[in-house]
Structures are given as C-alpha cells and as structure tokens.
Amino acid sequence: MAKVAKTAIKKDPKQALEAKNYTKVIKTVRSPKSGAYTFKEGMVHKDKIKDFLAAK
C-alpha cells in the first residue's frame, strides 16, 4: 500500500487539477561519442509530450 502525499497541493484544488496535467517523460538518448545510452527526463505538460519526444 502506498503512502499518502501530504502536500500543499491537497489544500488548493486549483493546483491539484493543474498538477494532473503534467506527466514525467523519460527518453533514451544515444551518445554520438561513446554510443552509450543516457536518459533525459522531464516534467512535461500532457499536450507537449510528442514535442518532447521528437526533439533531438
């Protein structure tokens, strides 16, 4: 069972609704120098996920 988050977001319903519009996106990126994979991650608005993944 997960712990319940006790943050300021619970106190303000407007912030809670806005926070649900963001998603954590993790993208694998291959290094041109070594060929190893690295991970680029970010909190992105749900409407801009495709832009984040398409960017090089």
Protein backbone atom coordinates (compact mmCIF):
# COMPACT_ATOMS: atom_id res chain seq x y z
CA MET A 1 0.00 0.00 0.00
CA ALA A 2 1.33 3.44 -0.95
CA LYS A 3 1.77 6.31 1.45
CA VAL A 4 -0.50 9.31 1.07
CA ALA A 5 1.25 12.51 0.00
CA LYS A 6 0.63 15.36 2.40
CA THR A 7 1.50 18.46 0.40
CA ALA A 8 0.19 21.93 -0.28
CA ILE A 9 -1.49 20.65 -3.44
CA LYS A 10 -4.18 18.96 -1.35
CA LYS A 11 -5.10 22.30 0.22
CA ASP A 12 -5.63 24.13 -3.08
CA PRO A 13 -7.96 22.32 -5.52
CA LYS A 14 -6.90 24.53 -8.46
CA GLN A 15 -3.28 23.43 -8.07
CA ALA A 16 -4.35 19.81 -7.78
CA LEU A 17 -6.25 19.99 -11.07
CA GLU A 18 -3.33 21.68 -12.81
CA ALA A 19 -0.81 19.16 -11.45
CA LYS A 20 -2.74 16.31 -13.06
CA ASN A 21 -1.97 17.81 -16.47
CA TYR A 22 1.77 17.10 -16.13
CA THR A 23 3.50 13.81 -16.87
CA LYS A 24 7.01 12.58 -16.18
CA VAL A 25 8.57 11.60 -19.51
CA ILE A 26 11.79 9.59 -19.83
CA LYS A 27 13.56 9.46 -23.19
CA THR A 28 16.58 7.33 -24.08
CA VAL A 29 19.29 9.20 -25.96
CA ARG A 30 22.29 7.55 -27.59
CA SER A 31 25.59 9.39 -27.18
CA PRO A 32 27.22 10.05 -30.56
CA LYS A 33 30.69 9.97 -28.99
CA SER A 34 30.63 6.73 -26.99
CA GLY A 35 27.50 5.01 -28.26
CA ALA A 36 26.20 4.55 -24.71
CA TYR A 37 22.60 5.25 -23.84
CA THR A 38 21.64 8.00 -21.42
CA PHE A 39 18.26 9.06 -20.16
CA LYS A 40 16.72 12.50 -20.48
CA GLU A 41 13.75 13.07 -18.22
CA GLY A 42 11.42 15.93 -17.55
CA MET A 43 8.04 17.01 -16.28
CA VAL A 44 6.06 17.92 -19.39
CA HIS A 45 2.54 19.19 -19.91
CA LYS A 46 0.40 16.43 -21.40
CA ASP A 47 -0.19 18.43 -24.59
CA LYS A 48 3.56 18.74 -25.30
CA ILE A 49 4.69 15.13 -24.83
CA LYS A 50 5.09 14.49 -28.56
CA ASP A 51 7.22 17.64 -28.91
CA PHE A 52 9.49 16.48 -26.08
CA LEU A 53 9.97 13.04 -27.62
CA ALA A 54 10.51 14.43 -31.14
CA ALA A 55 13.21 16.91 -30.07
CA LYS A 56 16.80 15.80 -30.55
